[in-house]
Amino acid sequence: MNRYKEKKRNFIILVAFAAVLSLILAVSLFDAEITEVASAAELTSSGLAISEELQSEPEASYQTSDIVNTDAAAQAQAGEETAADATTTEAATDPALPYTITKFDTVYTLYASDTVNVRAGAGTEYEKVGRVSWGTPVQITGVTDNGWFEVLYNEAQAFIRGDYIVSEMPGIPYLFVGDSRTVQMQMAVGSTDKAYIAKVGEGYTYFRDVAIPAISQYAGQGTTMIINFGVNDLSNAKKYVNLVNANIDAWTNAGITVYYSAVTPVGAGASVSNAQIEAFNVTLRDNLDPRVTWIDSYAYLSQAGFSSSDGLHYNKETYKSLYSYYMAVLNQQ
């Protein structure tokens, strides 16, 4: 009987021990499961945040016309691939920069529409690393969110303001059309961003038959054209008016801004008089189409003074002074 009770007691102890051990193991496994679930949830939460961040960053789609001062309709008609068609793959996120650069998959060739500085960063506060002149092909590798293009310059990264970059070869910035006075001004101040259609001793016939057909070869969107004919044939004032007015539609439709410069004064020894020149100037000024801007270079030289050995043609200093006056008038428009 005592042995039976002892066996029964030992069995109860064994069962109790097994129950306690099972409870301990269950608790341990439960803790381990909780830890794993928490880790998984933490990783999932982190991955979700990254995914949402990527989804909230839209694929960039830049239109050249948003950044560049060009005629969007003309670009569309040309049908040429430009930065507007670029696919973007990478956005620079350097926190030290006040702008973001969106890289293009392809390097695009666009053109400088004027002489413009190339800088180390996308802003005028950055160092100048060089310059490109009108019509220079520029390799575009990206665009910034503050209106600059990232470019390759001397095989290094640099930046050019977007409003100086166009998708097609631009018209020459300045085109001077005239007679011997224009020829001699070119000799005094010529530049790579200017073109001249001019010949010594010529007038209305040359303007009609030679100069006007040649204008389209040089001038285009963004060109400023300065015409200065008349000193050799002052009697043709009305013909000049009619010829210019007949062509103004074509010129303005092509994007050309047209100026007519007054015939400038003569000195002693000239074959024409200043009274004749003044009458010519009045006829043109009062009858040219309103889209032609009159430049009163006659009044300017009369006040500023000029030097001429034969009364008709000026010395280099006078041509430089006249040219500076032209540029001052154009920059005010």
C-alpha atoms as a PDB file:
ATOM      1  CA  MET A   1       0.000   0.000   0.000  1.00  0.00           C
ATOM      2  CA  ASN A   2       2.809   2.388   0.894  1.00  0.00           C
ATOM      3  CA  ARG A   3       4.607   1.441  -2.280  1.00  0.00           C
ATOM      4  CA  TYR A   4       1.478   2.197  -4.294  1.00  0.00           C
ATOM      5  CA  LYS A   5       1.180   5.672  -2.750  1.00  0.00           C
ATOM      6  CA  GLU A   6       4.832   6.385  -3.439  1.00  0.00           C
ATOM      7  CA  LYS A   7       4.464   5.451  -7.125  1.00  0.00           C
ATOM      8  CA  LYS A   8       1.363   7.587  -7.393  1.00  0.00           C
ATOM      9  CA  ARG A   9       3.184  10.566  -5.831  1.00  0.00           C
ATOM     10  CA  ASN A  10       6.179  10.152  -8.173  1.00  0.00           C
ATOM     11  CA  PHE A  11       3.856  10.027 -11.202  1.00  0.00           C
ATOM     12  CA  ILE A  12       2.124  13.225 -10.103  1.00  0.00           C
ATOM     13  CA  ILE A  13       5.508  14.968  -9.665  1.00  0.00           C
ATOM     14  CA  LEU A  14       6.628  13.805 -13.113  1.00  0.00           C
ATOM     15  CA  VAL A  15       3.438  15.061 -14.738  1.00  0.00           C
ATOM     16  CA  ALA A  16       3.773  18.409 -12.975  1.00  0.00           C
ATOM     17  CA  PHE A  17       7.406  18.757 -14.049  1.00  0.00           C
ATOM     18  CA  ALA A  18       6.493  17.964 -17.630  1.00  0.00           C
ATOM     19  CA  ALA A  19       3.722  20.547 -17.534  1.00  0.00           C
ATOM     20  CA  VAL A  20       6.068  23.237 -16.195  1.00  0.00           C
ATOM     21  CA  LEU A  21       8.709  22.396 -18.805  1.00  0.00           C
ATOM     22  CA  SER A  22       6.106  22.576 -21.570  1.00  0.00           C
ATOM     23  CA  LEU A  23       4.941  25.943 -20.289  1.00  0.00           C
ATOM     24  CA  ILE A  24       8.506  27.308 -20.290  1.00  0.00           C
ATOM     25  CA  LEU A  25       9.123  26.071 -23.836  1.00  0.00           C
ATOM     26  CA  ALA A  26       5.829  27.538 -25.021  1.00  0.00           C
ATOM     27  CA  VAL A  27       6.643  30.931 -23.547  1.00  0.00           C
ATOM     28  CA  SER A  28      10.100  30.896 -25.166  1.00  0.00           C
ATOM     29  CA  LEU A  29       8.682  30.050 -28.572  1.00  0.00           C
ATOM     30  CA  PHE A  30       6.005  32.745 -28.206  1.00  0.00           C
ATOM     31  CA  ASP A  31       8.657  35.384 -27.408  1.00  0.00           C
ATOM     32  CA  ALA A  32      10.716  34.308 -30.390  1.00  0.00           C
ATOM     33  CA  GLU A  33       7.690  34.543 -32.668  1.00  0.00           C
ATOM     34  CA  ILE A  34       6.829  38.018 -31.365  1.00  0.00           C
ATOM     35  CA  THR A  35      10.414  39.170 -32.014  1.00  0.00           C
ATOM     36  CA  GLU A  36      10.385  37.817 -35.603  1.00  0.00           C
ATOM     37  CA  VAL A  37       7.022  39.396 -36.375  1.00  0.00           C
ATOM     38  CA  ALA A  38       8.227  42.723 -35.048  1.00  0.00           C
ATOM     39  CA  SER A  39      11.377  42.538 -37.187  1.00  0.00           C
ATOM     40  CA  ALA A  40       9.378  41.634 -40.248  1.00  0.00           C
ATOM     41  CA  ALA A  41       6.945  44.471 -39.612  1.00  0.00           C
ATOM     42  CA  GLU A  42       9.833  46.904 -39.186  1.00  0.00           C
ATOM     43  CA  LEU A  43      11.405  45.820 -42.466  1.00  0.00           C
ATOM     44  CA  THR A  44       8.079  45.938 -44.254  1.00  0.00           C
ATOM     45  CA  SER A  45       7.391  49.426 -42.918  1.00  0.00           C
ATOM     46  CA  SER A  46      10.818  50.627 -44.059  1.00  0.00           C
ATOM     47  CA  GLY A  47      10.374  49.112 -47.508  1.00  0.00           C
ATOM     48  CA  LEU A  48       6.938  50.696 -47.829  1.00  0.00           C
ATOM     49  CA  ALA A  49       8.337  54.125 -47.025  1.00  0.00           C
ATOM     50  CA  ILE A  50      10.963  53.793 -49.743  1.00  0.00           C
ATOM     51  CA  SER A  51       8.368  52.591 -52.234  1.00  0.00           C
ATOM     52  CA  GLU A  52       6.050  55.499 -51.449  1.00  0.00           C
ATOM     53  CA  GLU A  53       8.930  57.939 -51.804  1.00  0.00           C
ATOM     54  CA  LEU A  54       9.759  56.584 -55.238  1.00  0.00           C
ATOM     55  CA  GLN A  55       6.128  56.617 -56.276  1.00  0.00           C
ATOM     56  CA  SER A  56       5.741  60.229 -55.151  1.00  0.00           C
ATOM     57  CA  GLU A  57       8.659  61.303 -57.376  1.00  0.00           C
ATOM     58  CA  PRO A  58       7.045  61.625 -60.844  1.00  0.00           C
ATOM     59  CA  GLU A  59       8.964  60.871 -63.985  1.00  0.00           C
ATOM     60  CA  ALA A  60      10.244  64.220 -65.222  1.00  0.00           C
ATOM     61  CA  SER A  61       8.954  65.436 -68.561  1.00  0.00           C
ATOM     62  CA  TYR A  62      10.567  68.693 -69.697  1.00  0.00           C
ATOM     63  CA  GLN A  63       9.469  70.779 -72.632  1.00  0.00           C
ATOM     64  CA  THR A  64      12.227  72.860 -74.162  1.00  0.00           C
ATOM     65  CA  SER A  65       9.800  75.757 -74.487  1.00  0.00           C
ATOM     66  CA  ASP A  66       9.421  75.815 -70.675  1.00  0.00           C
ATOM     67  CA  ILE A  67      13.105  76.627 -70.286  1.00  0.00           C
ATOM     68  CA  VAL A  68      14.268  77.987 -73.589  1.00  0.00           C
ATOM     69  CA  ASN A  69      13.123  81.171 -75.254  1.00  0.00           C
ATOM     70  CA  THR A  70      12.107  79.599 -78.592  1.00  0.00           C
ATOM     71  CA  ASP A  71       9.083  79.344 -80.889  1.00  0.00           C
ATOM     72  CA  ALA A  72       7.416  76.104 -79.787  1.00  0.00           C
ATOM     73  CA  ALA A  73       5.284  75.930 -82.928  1.00  0.00           C
ATOM     74  CA  ALA A  74       8.333  76.146 -85.178  1.00  0.00           C
ATOM     75  CA  GLN A  75      10.023  73.377 -83.193  1.00  0.00           C
ATOM     76  CA  ALA A  76       6.968  71.172 -83.543  1.00  0.00           C
ATOM     77  CA  GLN A  77       6.850  71.751 -87.306  1.00  0.00           C
ATOM     78  CA  ALA A  78      10.525  70.932 -87.622  1.00  0.00           C
ATOM     79  CA  GLY A  79       9.796  67.550 -86.036  1.00  0.00           C
ATOM     80  CA  GLU A  80      13.363  67.173 -84.835  1.00  0.00           C
ATOM     81  CA  GLU A  81      14.294  65.378 -81.638  1.00  0.00           C
ATOM     82  CA  THR A  82      15.286  67.846 -78.935  1.00  0.00           C
ATOM     83  CA  ALA A  83      15.641  67.922 -75.184  1.00  0.00           C
ATOM     84  CA  ALA A  84      11.854  68.087 -75.071  1.00  0.00           C
ATOM     85  CA  ASP A  85      11.798  64.423 -76.119  1.00  0.00           C
ATOM     86  CA  ALA A  86      14.415  63.311 -73.625  1.00  0.00           C
ATOM     87  CA  THR A  87      13.777  60.528 -71.169  1.00  0.00           C
ATOM     88  CA  THR A  88      15.222  61.158 -67.749  1.00  0.00           C
ATOM     89  CA  THR A  89      16.801  58.546 -65.543  1.00  0.00           C
ATOM     90  CA  GLU A  90      18.537  60.252 -62.685  1.00  0.00           C
ATOM     91  CA  ALA A  91      18.026  63.270 -60.476  1.00  0.00           C
ATOM     92  CA  ALA A  92      20.965  64.684 -58.560  1.00  0.00           C
ATOM     93  CA  THR A  93      20.100  65.172 -54.895  1.00  0.00           C
ATOM     94  CA  ASP A  94      23.261  66.723 -53.537  1.00  0.00           C
ATOM     95  CA  PRO A  95      21.998  68.632 -50.481  1.00  0.00           C
ATOM     96  CA  ALA A  96      24.792  71.173 -50.922  1.00  0.00           C
ATOM     97  CA  LEU A  97      23.296  72.375 -54.218  1.00  0.00           C
ATOM     98  CA  PRO A  98      20.378  74.821 -54.309  1.00  0.00           C
ATOM     99  CA  TYR A  99      19.047  73.123 -57.454  1.00  0.00           C
ATOM    100  CA  THR A 100      18.314  69.637 -58.761  1.00  0.00           C
ATOM    101  CA  ILE A 101      19.779  68.240 -61.989  1.00  0.00           C
ATOM    102  CA  THR A 102      17.733  65.796 -64.037  1.00  0.00           C
ATOM    103  CA  LYS A 103      19.988  63.766 -66.314  1.00  0.00           C
ATOM    104  CA  PHE A 104      19.046  62.786 -69.863  1.00  0.00           C
ATOM    105  CA  ASP A 105      19.546  59.265 -71.218  1.00  0.00           C
ATOM    106  CA  THR A 106      20.928  60.755 -74.416  1.00  0.00           C
ATOM    107  CA  VAL A 107      23.276  63.648 -75.091  1.00  0.00           C
ATOM    108  CA  TYR A 108      21.402  66.214 -77.211  1.00  0.00           C
ATOM    109  CA  THR A 109      22.955  68.810 -79.506  1.00  0.00           C
ATOM    110  CA  LEU A 110      21.317  72.228 -79.261  1.00  0.00           C
ATOM    111  CA  TYR A 111      22.642  75.691 -80.178  1.00  0.00           C
ATOM    112  CA  ALA A 112      23.674  78.907 -78.475  1.00  0.00           C
ATOM    113  CA  SER A 113      21.385  81.736 -79.570  1.00  0.00           C
ATOM    114  CA  ASP A 114      23.880  84.424 -78.528  1.00  0.00           C
ATOM    115  CA  THR A 115      27.322  84.798 -77.006  1.00  0.00           C
ATOM    116  CA  VAL A 116      26.834  83.492 -73.469  1.00  0.00           C
ATOM    117  CA  ASN A 117      28.893  82.566 -70.418  1.00  0.00           C
ATOM    118  CA  VAL A 118      29.479  78.948 -69.417  1.00  0.00           C
ATOM    119  CA  ARG A 119      29.500  78.529 -65.621  1.00  0.00           C
ATOM    120  CA  ALA A 120      30.581  75.970 -63.058  1.00  0.00           C
ATOM    121  CA  GLY A 121      27.098  75.859 -61.539  1.00  0.00           C
ATOM    122  CA  ALA A 122      23.504  76.603 -62.451  1.00  0.00           C
ATOM    123  CA  GLY A 123      23.449  80.260 -61.470  1.00  0.00           C
ATOM    124  CA  THR A 124      25.108  83.580 -62.245  1.00  0.00           C
ATOM    125  CA  GLU A 125      26.847  83.460 -58.871  1.00  0.00           C
ATOM    126  CA  TYR A 126      29.007  80.538 -60.015  1.00  0.00           C
ATOM    127  CA  GLU A 127      32.436  80.915 -61.607  1.00  0.00           C
ATOM    128  CA  LYS A 128      32.705  81.507 -65.354  1.00  0.00           C
ATOM    129  CA  VAL A 129      34.579  78.647 -66.984  1.00  0.00           C
ATOM    130  CA  GLY A 130      34.279  79.892 -70.566  1.00  0.00           C
ATOM    131  CA  ARG A 131      32.010  81.329 -73.249  1.00  0.00           C
ATOM    132  CA  VAL A 132      30.276  80.073 -76.364  1.00  0.00           C
ATOM    133  CA  SER A 133      29.329  82.310 -79.269  1.00  0.00           C
ATOM    134  CA  TRP A 134      26.198  82.517 -81.375  1.00  0.00           C
ATOM    135  CA  GLY A 135      25.420  79.318 -83.285  1.00  0.00           C
ATOM    136  CA  THR A 136      27.844  77.110 -81.325  1.00  0.00           C
ATOM    137  CA  PRO A 137      26.579  73.499 -81.062  1.00  0.00           C
ATOM    138  CA  VAL A 138      26.219  72.628 -77.365  1.00  0.00           C
ATOM    139  CA  GLN A 139      26.027  69.089 -75.943  1.00  0.00           C
ATOM    140  CA  ILE A 140      23.174  68.954 -73.433  1.00  0.00           C
ATOM    141  CA  THR A 141      23.296  66.247 -70.741  1.00  0.00           C
ATOM    142  CA  GLY A 142      20.602  67.404 -68.323  1.00  0.00           C
ATOM    143  CA  VAL A 143      18.353  70.181 -67.088  1.00  0.00           C
ATOM    144  CA  THR A 144      18.007  71.873 -63.719  1.00  0.00           C
ATOM    145  CA  ASP A 145      14.853  72.869 -61.893  1.00  0.00           C
ATOM    146  CA  ASN A 146      15.918  76.533 -61.988  1.00  0.00           C
ATOM    147  CA  GLY A 147      16.075  76.868 -65.786  1.00  0.00           C
ATOM    148  CA  TRP A 148      19.671  75.966 -66.719  1.00  0.00           C
ATOM    149  CA  PHE A 149      21.062  73.241 -68.952  1.00  0.00           C
ATOM    150  CA  GLU A 150      23.837  70.941 -67.826  1.00  0.00           C
ATOM    151  CA  VAL A 151      26.322  70.758 -70.713  1.00  0.00           C
ATOM    152  CA  LEU A 152      29.604  69.172 -71.688  1.00  0.00           C
ATOM    153  CA  TYR A 153      32.220  71.901 -71.998  1.00  0.00           C
ATOM    154  CA  ASN A 154      35.838  70.918 -72.630  1.00  0.00           C
ATOM    155  CA  GLU A 155      34.811  67.365 -71.641  1.00  0.00           C
ATOM    156  CA  ALA A 156      33.655  68.526 -68.198  1.00  0.00           C
ATOM    157  CA  GLN A 157      30.300  69.302 -66.621  1.00  0.00           C
ATOM    158  CA  ALA A 158      29.199  72.942 -66.865  1.00  0.00           C
ATOM    159  CA  PHE A 159      26.011  74.978 -67.133  1.00  0.00           C
ATOM    160  CA  ILE A 160      24.394  77.484 -69.526  1.00  0.00           C
ATOM    161  CA  ARG A 161      21.224  79.482 -68.954  1.00  0.00           C
ATOM    162  CA  GLY A 162      18.300  77.840 -70.726  1.00  0.00           C
ATOM    163  CA  ASP A 163      17.050  80.997 -72.415  1.00  0.00           C
ATOM    164  CA  TYR A 164      20.278  81.172 -74.442  1.00  0.00           C
ATOM    165  CA  ILE A 165      19.850  77.666 -75.880  1.00  0.00           C
ATOM    166  CA  VAL A 166      17.614  76.825 -78.848  1.00  0.00           C
ATOM    167  CA  SER A 167      16.780  73.590 -80.633  1.00  0.00           C
ATOM    168  CA  GLU A 168      17.619  74.761 -84.157  1.00  0.00           C
ATOM    169  CA  MET A 169      20.468  76.729 -85.645  1.00  0.00           C
ATOM    170  CA  PRO A 170      19.415  80.330 -84.922  1.00  0.00           C
ATOM    171  CA  GLY A 171      19.429  83.291 -87.261  1.00  0.00           C
ATOM    172  CA  ILE A 172      22.423  85.592 -86.897  1.00  0.00           C
ATOM    173  CA  PRO A 173      21.763  87.983 -83.972  1.00  0.00           C
ATOM    174  CA  TYR A 174      22.537  91.149 -85.965  1.00  0.00           C
ATOM    175  CA  LEU A 175      22.400  91.720 -89.707  1.00  0.00           C
ATOM    176  CA  PHE A 176      23.502  95.034 -91.224  1.00  0.00           C
ATOM    177  CA  VAL A 177      22.347  95.791 -94.769  1.00  0.00           C
ATOM    178  CA  GLY A 178      23.592  98.846 -96.617  1.00  0.00           C
ATOM    179  CA  ASP A 179      26.110 100.667 -98.778  1.00  0.00           C
ATOM    180  CA  SER A 180      29.728 101.812 -98.360  1.00  0.00           C
ATOM    181  CA  ARG A 181      29.076 103.224 -94.901  1.00  0.00           C
ATOM    182  CA  THR A 182      27.983  99.772 -93.740  1.00  0.00           C
ATOM    183  CA  VAL A 183      31.046  98.191 -95.377  1.00  0.00           C
ATOM    184  CA  GLN A 184      33.359 100.570 -93.526  1.00  0.00           C
ATOM    185  CA  MET A 185      31.547 100.055 -90.208  1.00  0.00           C
ATOM    186  CA  GLN A 186      32.122  96.333 -90.601  1.00  0.00           C
ATOM    187  CA  MET A 187      35.835  96.993 -91.071  1.00  0.00           C
ATOM    188  CA  ALA A 188      35.864  99.060 -87.884  1.00  0.00           C
ATOM    189  CA  VAL A 189      33.828  96.849 -85.548  1.00  0.00           C
ATOM    190  CA  GLY A 190      33.115  93.472 -87.203  1.00  0.00           C
ATOM    191  CA  SER A 191      32.183  90.528 -84.973  1.00  0.00           C
ATOM    192  CA  THR A 192      31.458  86.805 -85.229  1.00  0.00           C
ATOM    193  CA  ASP A 193      27.835  87.268 -84.173  1.00  0.00           C
ATOM    194  CA  LYS A 194      27.065  89.822 -86.908  1.00  0.00           C
ATOM    195  CA  ALA A 195      26.618  89.574 -90.639  1.00  0.00           C
ATOM    196  CA  TYR A 196      26.819  92.243 -93.315  1.00  0.00           C
ATOM    197  CA  ILE A 197      25.167  92.474 -96.729  1.00  0.00           C
ATOM    198  CA  ALA A 198      26.674  95.626 -98.158  1.00  0.00           C
ATOM    199  CA  LYS A 199      28.575  96.994-101.123  1.00  0.00           C
ATOM    200  CA  VAL A 200      30.340 100.267-101.859  1.00  0.00           C
ATOM    201  CA  GLY A 201      28.483 102.715-104.130  1.00  0.00           C
ATOM    202  CA  GLU A 202      25.182 100.801-104.167  1.00  0.00           C
ATOM    203  CA  GLY A 203      21.576 101.784-103.518  1.00  0.00           C
ATOM    204  CA  TYR A 204      18.002 100.804-104.339  1.00  0.00           C
ATOM    205  CA  THR A 205      18.725  98.360-107.198  1.00  0.00           C
ATOM    206  CA  TYR A 206      21.314  96.452-105.167  1.00  0.00           C
ATOM    207  CA  PHE A 207      18.941  96.371-102.190  1.00  0.00           C
ATOM    208  CA  ARG A 208      16.120  94.954-104.337  1.00  0.00           C
ATOM    209  CA  ASP A 209      18.057  92.486-106.492  1.00  0.00           C
ATOM    210  CA  VAL A 210      20.903  91.325-104.255  1.00  0.00           C
ATOM    211  CA  ALA A 211      20.401  92.198-100.606  1.00  0.00           C
ATOM    212  CA  ILE A 212      16.775  91.149-100.143  1.00  0.00           C
ATOM    213  CA  PRO A 213      17.264  87.661-101.662  1.00  0.00           C
ATOM    214  CA  ALA A 214      20.368  87.219 -99.472  1.00  0.00           C
ATOM    215  CA  ILE A 215      18.644  88.233 -96.227  1.00  0.00           C
ATOM    216  CA  SER A 216      16.987  84.830 -95.768  1.00  0.00           C
ATOM    217  CA  GLN A 217      20.410  83.147 -95.901  1.00  0.00           C
ATOM    218  CA  TYR A 218      21.501  84.960 -92.736  1.00  0.00           C
ATOM    219  CA  ALA A 219      18.428  86.173 -90.895  1.00  0.00           C
ATOM    220  CA  GLY A 220      15.847  84.113 -89.059  1.00  0.00           C
ATOM    221  CA  GLN A 221      14.136  83.742 -85.734  1.00  0.00           C
ATOM    222  CA  GLY A 222      15.693  86.229 -83.309  1.00  0.00           C
ATOM    223  CA  THR A 223      17.635  88.264 -85.879  1.00  0.00           C
ATOM    224  CA  THR A 224      17.745  92.053 -85.600  1.00  0.00           C
ATOM    225  CA  MET A 225      18.252  93.668 -89.019  1.00  0.00           C
ATOM    226  CA  ILE A 226      19.463  97.247 -89.477  1.00  0.00           C
ATOM    227  CA  ILE A 227      19.028  98.720 -92.974  1.00  0.00           C
ATOM    228  CA  ASN A 228      20.961 101.823 -94.045  1.00  0.00           C
ATOM    229  CA  PHE A 229      20.552 102.713 -97.721  1.00  0.00           C
ATOM    230  CA  GLY A 230      19.944 106.046 -99.438  1.00  0.00           C
ATOM    231  CA  VAL A 231      22.996 108.266 -99.427  1.00  0.00           C
ATOM    232  CA  ASN A 232      23.835 107.261-103.021  1.00  0.00           C
ATOM    233  CA  ASP A 233      20.319 107.750-104.425  1.00  0.00           C
ATOM    234  CA  LEU A 234      18.347 110.123-102.233  1.00  0.00           C
ATOM    235  CA  SER A 235      15.751 110.587-104.980  1.00  0.00           C
ATOM    236  CA  ASN A 236      14.537 107.015-104.487  1.00  0.00           C
ATOM    237  CA  ALA A 237      12.994 107.607-101.064  1.00  0.00           C
ATOM    238  CA  LYS A 238       9.497 106.415-102.061  1.00  0.00           C
ATOM    239  CA  LYS A 239      10.924 103.341-103.778  1.00  0.00           C
ATOM    240  CA  TYR A 240      12.743 102.386-100.580  1.00  0.00           C
ATOM    241  CA  VAL A 241       9.531 102.824 -98.600  1.00  0.00           C
ATOM    242  CA  ASN A 242       7.545 100.630-100.987  1.00  0.00           C
ATOM    243  CA  LEU A 243      10.233  97.934-101.102  1.00  0.00           C
ATOM    244  CA  VAL A 244      10.613  97.672 -97.335  1.00  0.00           C
ATOM    245  CA  ASN A 245       6.858  97.707 -96.757  1.00  0.00           C
ATOM    246  CA  ALA A 246       6.394  94.979 -99.373  1.00  0.00           C
ATOM    247  CA  ASN A 247       8.772  92.678 -97.510  1.00  0.00           C
ATOM    248  CA  ILE A 248       7.943  93.450 -93.888  1.00  0.00           C
ATOM    249  CA  ASP A 249       5.356  90.663 -93.615  1.00  0.00           C
ATOM    250  CA  ALA A 250       7.865  88.022 -94.704  1.00  0.00           C
ATOM    251  CA  TRP A 251      10.555  89.381 -92.399  1.00  0.00           C
ATOM    252  CA  THR A 252       8.411  89.584 -89.304  1.00  0.00           C
ATOM    253  CA  ASN A 253       6.881  86.163 -89.982  1.00  0.00           C
ATOM    254  CA  ALA A 254      10.407  84.785 -90.103  1.00  0.00           C
ATOM    255  CA  GLY A 255      11.113  86.258 -86.667  1.00  0.00           C
ATOM    256  CA  ILE A 256      13.250  89.174 -87.875  1.00  0.00           C
ATOM    257  CA  THR A 257      13.054  92.497 -86.059  1.00  0.00           C
ATOM    258  CA  VAL A 258      13.578  95.304 -88.584  1.00  0.00           C
ATOM    259  CA  TYR A 259      15.158  98.737 -88.084  1.00  0.00           C
ATOM    260  CA  TYR A 260      15.885 101.418 -90.659  1.00  0.00           C
ATOM    261  CA  SER A 261      18.757 103.722 -89.839  1.00  0.00           C
ATOM    262  CA  ALA A 262      18.512 107.299 -91.083  1.00  0.00           C
ATOM    263  CA  VAL A 263      21.027 108.416 -93.658  1.00  0.00           C
ATOM    264  CA  THR A 264      23.687 110.140 -91.595  1.00  0.00           C
ATOM    265  CA  PRO A 265      25.023 113.674 -92.229  1.00  0.00           C
ATOM    266  CA  VAL A 266      27.753 114.672 -94.640  1.00  0.00           C
ATOM    267  CA  GLY A 267      30.561 117.156 -94.314  1.00  0.00           C
ATOM    268  CA  ALA A 268      32.266 119.586 -96.638  1.00  0.00           C
ATOM    269  CA  GLY A 269      33.100 118.233-100.061  1.00  0.00           C
ATOM    270  CA  ALA A 270      30.217 115.737-100.319  1.00  0.00           C
ATOM    271  CA  SER A 271      28.233 115.495-103.548  1.00  0.00           C
ATOM    272  CA  VAL A 272      24.909 115.702-101.661  1.00  0.00           C
ATOM    273  CA  SER A 273      23.633 118.142 -99.058  1.00  0.00           C
ATOM    274  CA  ASN A 274      22.287 117.636 -95.567  1.00  0.00           C
ATOM    275  CA  ALA A 275      19.035 119.283 -96.680  1.00  0.00           C
ATOM    276  CA  GLN A 276      18.554 116.510 -99.236  1.00  0.00           C
ATOM    277  CA  ILE A 277      19.380 113.895 -96.596  1.00  0.00           C
ATOM    278  CA  GLU A 278      16.877 115.391 -94.159  1.00  0.00           C
ATOM    279  CA  ALA A 279      14.117 115.288 -96.782  1.00  0.00           C
ATOM    280  CA  PHE A 280      14.906 111.634 -97.545  1.00  0.00           C
ATOM    281  CA  ASN A 281      14.837 110.753 -93.850  1.00  0.00           C
ATOM    282  CA  VAL A 282      11.484 112.453 -93.278  1.00  0.00           C
ATOM    283  CA  THR A 283       9.895 110.534 -96.167  1.00  0.00           C
ATOM    284  CA  LEU A 284      11.074 107.176 -94.830  1.00  0.00           C
ATOM    285  CA  ARG A 285      10.365 107.904 -91.173  1.00  0.00           C
ATOM    286  CA  ASP A 286       6.782 108.988 -91.907  1.00  0.00           C
ATOM    287  CA  ASN A 287       5.857 106.284 -94.400  1.00  0.00           C
ATOM    288  CA  LEU A 288       7.578 103.059 -93.356  1.00  0.00           C
ATOM    289  CA  ASP A 289       5.371 100.323 -91.928  1.00  0.00           C
ATOM    290  CA  PRO A 290       4.931 100.726 -88.129  1.00  0.00           C
ATOM    291  CA  ARG A 291       6.709  97.386 -87.644  1.00  0.00           C
ATOM    292  CA  VAL A 292       9.916  99.027 -88.882  1.00  0.00           C
ATOM    293  CA  THR A 293      11.619 100.904 -86.050  1.00  0.00           C
ATOM    294  CA  TRP A 294      13.292 104.155 -87.080  1.00  0.00           C
ATOM    295  CA  ILE A 295      16.797 104.876 -85.761  1.00  0.00           C
ATOM    296  CA  ASP A 296      17.607 108.591 -85.899  1.00  0.00           C
ATOM    297  CA  SER A 297      21.318 108.199 -86.459  1.00  0.00           C
ATOM    298  CA  TYR A 298      21.322 111.506 -88.372  1.00  0.00           C
ATOM    299  CA  ALA A 299      20.422 113.422 -85.193  1.00  0.00           C
ATOM    300  CA  TYR A 300      22.924 111.365 -83.180  1.00  0.00           C
ATOM    301  CA  LEU A 301      25.968 112.143 -85.352  1.00  0.00           C
ATOM    302  CA  SER A 302      24.859 115.747 -85.805  1.00  0.00           C
ATOM    303  CA  GLN A 303      25.002 116.154 -82.033  1.00  0.00           C
ATOM    304  CA  ALA A 304      27.899 113.809 -81.209  1.00  0.00           C
ATOM    305  CA  GLY A 305      30.056 115.017 -84.088  1.00  0.00           C
ATOM    306  CA  PHE A 306      31.866 113.059 -86.798  1.00  0.00           C
ATOM    307  CA  SER A 307      35.086 113.126 -88.752  1.00  0.00           C
ATOM    308  CA  SER A 308      35.238 112.633 -92.534  1.00  0.00           C
ATOM    309  CA  SER A 309      38.098 113.138 -94.957  1.00  0.00           C
ATOM    310  CA  ASP A 310      35.886 113.386 -98.053  1.00  0.00           C
ATOM    311  CA  GLY A 311      32.658 114.620 -96.449  1.00  0.00           C
ATOM    312  CA  LEU A 312      30.891 111.310 -97.157  1.00  0.00           C
ATOM    313  CA  HIS A 313      32.842 108.543 -95.410  1.00  0.00           C
ATOM    314  CA  TYR A 314      33.850 108.598 -91.747  1.00  0.00           C
ATOM    315  CA  ASN A 315      36.977 107.634 -89.874  1.00  0.00           C
ATOM    316  CA  LYS A 316      37.154 104.519 -87.697  1.00  0.00           C
ATOM    317  CA  GLU A 317      36.345 106.345 -84.452  1.00  0.00           C
ATOM    318  CA  THR A 318      33.139 107.765 -85.940  1.00  0.00           C
ATOM    319  CA  TYR A 319      32.023 104.329 -87.142  1.00  0.00           C
ATOM    320  CA  LYS A 320      32.687 102.878 -83.713  1.00  0.00           C
ATOM    321  CA  SER A 321      30.675 105.674 -82.148  1.00  0.00           C
ATOM    322  CA  LEU A 322      27.804 105.073 -84.587  1.00  0.00           C
ATOM    323  CA  TYR A 323      27.896 101.344 -83.910  1.00  0.00           C
ATOM    324  CA  SER A 324      27.758 101.942 -80.133  1.00  0.00           C
ATOM    325  CA  TYR A 325      24.721 104.133 -80.689  1.00  0.00           C
ATOM    326  CA  TYR A 326      23.028 101.360 -82.673  1.00  0.00           C
ATOM    327  CA  MET A 327      23.653  98.860 -79.878  1.00  0.00           C
ATOM    328  CA  ALA A 328      22.370 101.273 -77.247  1.00  0.00           C
ATOM    329  CA  VAL A 329      19.126 101.786 -79.199  1.00  0.00           C
ATOM    330  CA  LEU A 330      18.662  98.036 -79.759  1.00  0.00           C
ATOM    331  CA  ASN A 331      19.248  97.227 -76.098  1.00  0.00           C
ATOM    332  CA  GLN A 332      16.571  99.697 -75.055  1.00  0.00           C
ATOM    333  CA  GLN A 333      13.886  97.944 -77.107  1.00  0.00           C
END
